[in-house]
Every structure is written in C-alpha cells, then in structure tokens.
Amino acid sequence: MKVRILLLALMFFWGCNSQKQIAESNFYQEDKNLNLYAFVGKKISVEEILNNKQKIKDPNSNDSIIIINMDEVFICKYQILQNVFNKISKDAIEFEAYDHYGSPDFKNYEYVLLYLSKDTAGKFTHMKYQFDALKATNKGFKGINGKSIRKLFLNKKNTTLKERISF
C-alpha cells in the first residue's frame, strides 16, 4: 500500500514538473508598446548582400549621398515556430541582420530564439548579436544550455535588452 502511494505521489510530481517544462517552453508575453518581437525560428536561409552601398537624396540640399555600411548586411528568412514576445502573424519572416564581425552567429544553428525590431514601414531588423541557440525536444524547445524559452527570454529582457528598450 505504501509503495502504491509513493508511486502515485512520484507520478503526480513528475507530471507537474512535465507540465511546468511544457508551459515554460510555450512561454508568451505581449506588450505592443514595446518595439520588440521575439520568436522561435527555424532557418530557411541567410544570404549576404554583397553591395551594401545605398544612394539617397539629402532632404535639405537635394544632393546625392552614398551611404556605405561598416557592417555586413544579411537577408534572413526564418520559419516562425513559436511567438515568444509580441505576435508576428506570419508562418515565415524575412528580416535584415547586420554584423560587424563577418556573419551573424545565429546562422550556425537550425533553431534559434531571435529578437527583432520593426520600423515604421513594417520592415523587421534583427537586434544586433541578440539570439539564443535552441534544440528541439519532445516537449518543445529549450536552449542548448538546457534553459527554458521563458528563462532565456526573461534573462535577455532583464539584462541586454533592458538597455536598448524601455520596459
């Protein structure tokens, strides 16, 4: 009898822990007042733009200005598997990424937690160097370091992103 009670208790606690892991994997927050979008994505493509010069007109003098980026520019396409912060209502997304050191490290992983901002024209841009590498599990996704989506996002939100965005 004691063994049955012990087994039932263990199954209950294991089930609760399993539900907690699933909940942390399916973590989602929303605040439309913040220009931040985070999602779990699967890489489709990351392509470098070789000619990253841009010619614009000066609004005051109407002179031509050539802008040369000091960063490498990449067009990235990712399948959106799970929204984490502020919903992106698409199955896939295209955005620009800039990297001063060559190419963005997130391109080396199949699954990543990516952090983007959106301009007034609706164009998404990767928040420079901000990502978390992920691995797929039977309960969703978690960081390659074992941390849940929730912990990864809240850590970024309360440290690096706190300096970039007013929460």
Protein backbone atom coordinates (compact mmCIF):
# COMPACT_ATOMS: atom_id res chain seq x y z
CA MET A 1 0.00 0.00 0.00
CA LYS A 2 2.79 2.42 0.92
CA VAL A 3 4.55 1.59 -2.33
CA ARG A 4 1.42 2.45 -4.33
CA ILE A 5 1.02 5.77 -2.54
CA LEU A 6 4.69 6.54 -3.12
CA LEU A 7 4.37 5.66 -6.82
CA LEU A 8 1.25 7.81 -7.18
CA ALA A 9 2.98 10.72 -5.46
CA LEU A 10 6.03 10.38 -7.71
CA MET A 11 3.85 10.24 -10.83
CA PHE A 12 1.96 13.33 -9.67
CA PHE A 13 5.13 15.35 -9.04
CA TRP A 14 6.72 14.15 -12.29
CA GLY A 15 3.55 15.11 -14.18
CA CYS A 16 3.50 18.57 -12.58
CA ASN A 17 7.17 19.09 -13.45
CA SER A 18 6.49 17.94 -17.00
CA GLN A 19 3.61 20.44 -17.31
CA LYS A 20 5.88 23.20 -15.95
CA GLN A 21 8.50 22.38 -18.59
CA ILE A 22 5.87 22.48 -21.33
CA ALA A 23 4.49 25.78 -20.00
CA GLU A 24 7.97 27.31 -19.92
CA SER A 25 8.60 26.05 -23.44
CA ASN A 26 5.29 27.59 -24.64
CA PHE A 27 6.01 30.90 -22.88
CA TYR A 28 4.47 34.03 -24.46
CA GLN A 29 4.19 37.69 -23.42
CA GLU A 30 2.77 40.68 -25.25
CA ASP A 31 3.31 44.42 -24.92
CA LYS A 32 2.54 46.32 -28.13
CA ASN A 33 4.04 49.48 -26.59
CA LEU A 34 7.49 47.93 -26.98
CA ASN A 35 9.23 47.63 -30.33
CA LEU A 36 10.42 44.11 -29.65
CA TYR A 37 9.49 40.83 -31.29
CA ALA A 38 10.91 37.50 -30.17
CA PHE A 39 10.20 34.14 -31.72
CA VAL A 40 11.49 30.60 -32.03
CA GLY A 41 12.57 30.19 -35.61
CA LYS A 42 13.89 27.55 -37.96
CA LYS A 43 16.41 28.74 -40.51
CA ILE A 44 15.31 28.83 -44.14
CA SER A 45 18.16 30.99 -45.48
CA VAL A 46 20.73 33.61 -44.52
CA GLU A 47 22.12 35.44 -47.57
CA GLU A 48 24.78 38.15 -47.56
CA ILE A 49 24.12 41.34 -49.53
CA LEU A 50 27.43 41.97 -51.25
CA ASN A 51 26.72 45.50 -52.41
CA ASN A 52 25.74 47.26 -49.21
CA LYS A 53 26.02 50.79 -50.60
CA GLN A 54 22.92 52.94 -50.56
CA LYS A 55 22.35 56.15 -52.52
CA ILE A 56 19.91 58.66 -51.02
CA LYS A 57 18.98 62.31 -51.53
CA ASP A 58 19.73 64.84 -48.80
CA PRO A 59 16.30 66.29 -47.90
CA ASN A 60 17.75 69.79 -47.33
CA SER A 61 20.14 70.24 -50.25
CA ASN A 62 18.81 67.59 -52.65
CA ASP A 63 22.43 66.41 -53.07
CA SER A 64 23.14 62.71 -53.59
CA ILE A 65 24.65 60.92 -50.62
CA ILE A 66 26.22 57.47 -50.77
CA ILE A 67 25.99 55.51 -47.53
CA ILE A 68 28.38 52.60 -47.05
CA ASN A 69 27.60 50.26 -44.16
CA MET A 70 30.53 49.34 -41.97
CA ASP A 71 28.66 46.15 -41.11
CA GLU A 72 27.98 43.19 -43.34
CA VAL A 73 24.29 43.03 -44.28
CA PHE A 74 22.27 39.81 -44.47
CA ILE A 75 18.75 39.00 -45.62
CA CYS A 76 17.45 36.25 -43.35
CA LYS A 77 14.40 34.05 -43.81
CA TYR A 78 13.07 32.02 -40.91
CA GLN A 79 10.05 29.85 -40.31
CA ILE A 80 8.20 31.09 -37.21
CA LEU A 81 7.60 28.08 -34.98
CA GLN A 82 6.52 29.91 -31.82
CA ASN A 83 5.94 33.55 -30.93
CA VAL A 84 7.56 34.47 -27.61
CA PHE A 85 7.08 38.24 -27.35
CA ASN A 86 4.61 40.25 -29.45
CA LYS A 87 2.97 38.15 -32.12
CA ILE A 88 4.19 38.06 -35.70
CA SER A 89 1.21 36.86 -37.71
CA LYS A 90 3.10 35.01 -40.43
CA ASP A 91 4.37 31.48 -40.93
CA ALA A 92 7.73 32.79 -42.14
CA ILE A 93 9.54 36.11 -41.86
CA GLU A 94 12.24 37.97 -43.76
CA PHE A 95 14.44 40.46 -41.94
CA GLU A 96 17.81 42.19 -42.18
CA ALA A 97 20.71 41.41 -39.88
CA TYR A 98 23.88 43.45 -39.50
CA ASP A 99 27.18 42.09 -38.23
CA HIS A 100 30.47 43.92 -37.80
CA TYR A 101 32.49 40.71 -37.42
CA GLY A 102 31.56 38.94 -40.65
CA SER A 103 28.35 36.95 -40.39
CA PRO A 104 25.74 36.51 -37.67
CA ASP A 105 26.42 33.56 -35.36
CA PHE A 106 22.76 32.57 -35.28
CA LYS A 107 23.09 31.27 -38.85
CA ASN A 108 25.09 28.33 -37.46
CA TYR A 109 22.04 26.88 -35.67
CA GLU A 110 18.91 25.28 -37.09
CA TYR A 111 16.66 26.55 -34.26
CA VAL A 112 17.08 29.91 -32.54
CA LEU A 113 15.26 32.38 -30.34
CA LEU A 114 15.58 35.64 -32.29
CA TYR A 115 14.98 39.23 -31.21
CA LEU A 116 13.76 41.77 -33.79
CA SER A 117 12.51 45.34 -34.01
CA LYS A 118 10.17 46.79 -36.64
CA ASP A 119 10.45 50.18 -38.37
CA THR A 120 7.53 52.45 -39.27
CA ALA A 121 7.32 50.87 -42.75
CA GLY A 122 6.84 47.43 -41.16
CA LYS A 123 10.33 46.13 -42.02
CA PHE A 124 11.92 43.85 -39.40
CA THR A 125 15.56 44.13 -38.32
CA HIS A 126 17.49 41.75 -36.09
CA MET A 127 18.69 43.27 -32.81
CA LYS A 128 22.42 43.05 -33.36
CA TYR A 129 24.07 39.97 -31.81
CA GLN A 130 20.94 39.01 -29.82
CA PHE A 131 19.84 35.39 -30.12
CA ASP A 132 19.73 32.15 -28.18
CA ALA A 133 20.61 28.83 -29.79
CA LEU A 134 17.94 26.17 -29.22
CA LYS A 135 17.43 22.46 -29.53
CA ALA A 136 14.17 20.67 -30.20
CA THR A 137 12.86 18.32 -27.50
CA ASN A 138 9.76 16.15 -27.26
CA LYS A 139 8.24 18.96 -25.14
CA GLY A 140 9.08 21.88 -27.42
CA PHE A 141 12.34 23.82 -27.41
CA LYS A 142 14.99 24.72 -24.89
CA GLY A 143 18.34 26.44 -25.00
CA ILE A 144 21.39 24.40 -25.88
CA ASN A 145 22.44 25.18 -22.30
CA GLY A 146 19.24 23.49 -21.01
CA LYS A 147 17.38 26.69 -20.07
CA SER A 148 13.70 27.08 -20.93
CA ILE A 149 12.42 29.58 -23.51
CA ARG A 150 10.95 31.55 -20.59
CA LYS A 151 14.29 31.77 -18.76
CA LEU A 152 16.22 32.66 -21.92
CA PHE A 153 13.79 35.44 -22.87
CA LEU A 154 13.45 36.91 -19.37
CA ASN A 155 17.23 36.89 -18.94
CA LYS A 156 17.67 38.89 -22.17
CA LYS A 157 14.73 41.17 -21.31
CA ASN A 158 16.15 41.99 -17.88
CA THR A 159 19.79 42.44 -18.97
CA THR A 160 20.88 43.24 -22.53
CA LEU A 161 17.52 44.33 -23.93
CA LYS A 162 16.74 46.45 -20.87
CA GLU A 163 19.43 48.88 -22.01
CA ARG A 164 18.06 49.00 -25.58
CA ILE A 165 14.32 49.20 -24.89
CA SER A 166 12.35 50.86 -22.12
CA PHE A 167 10.32 48.17 -20.35
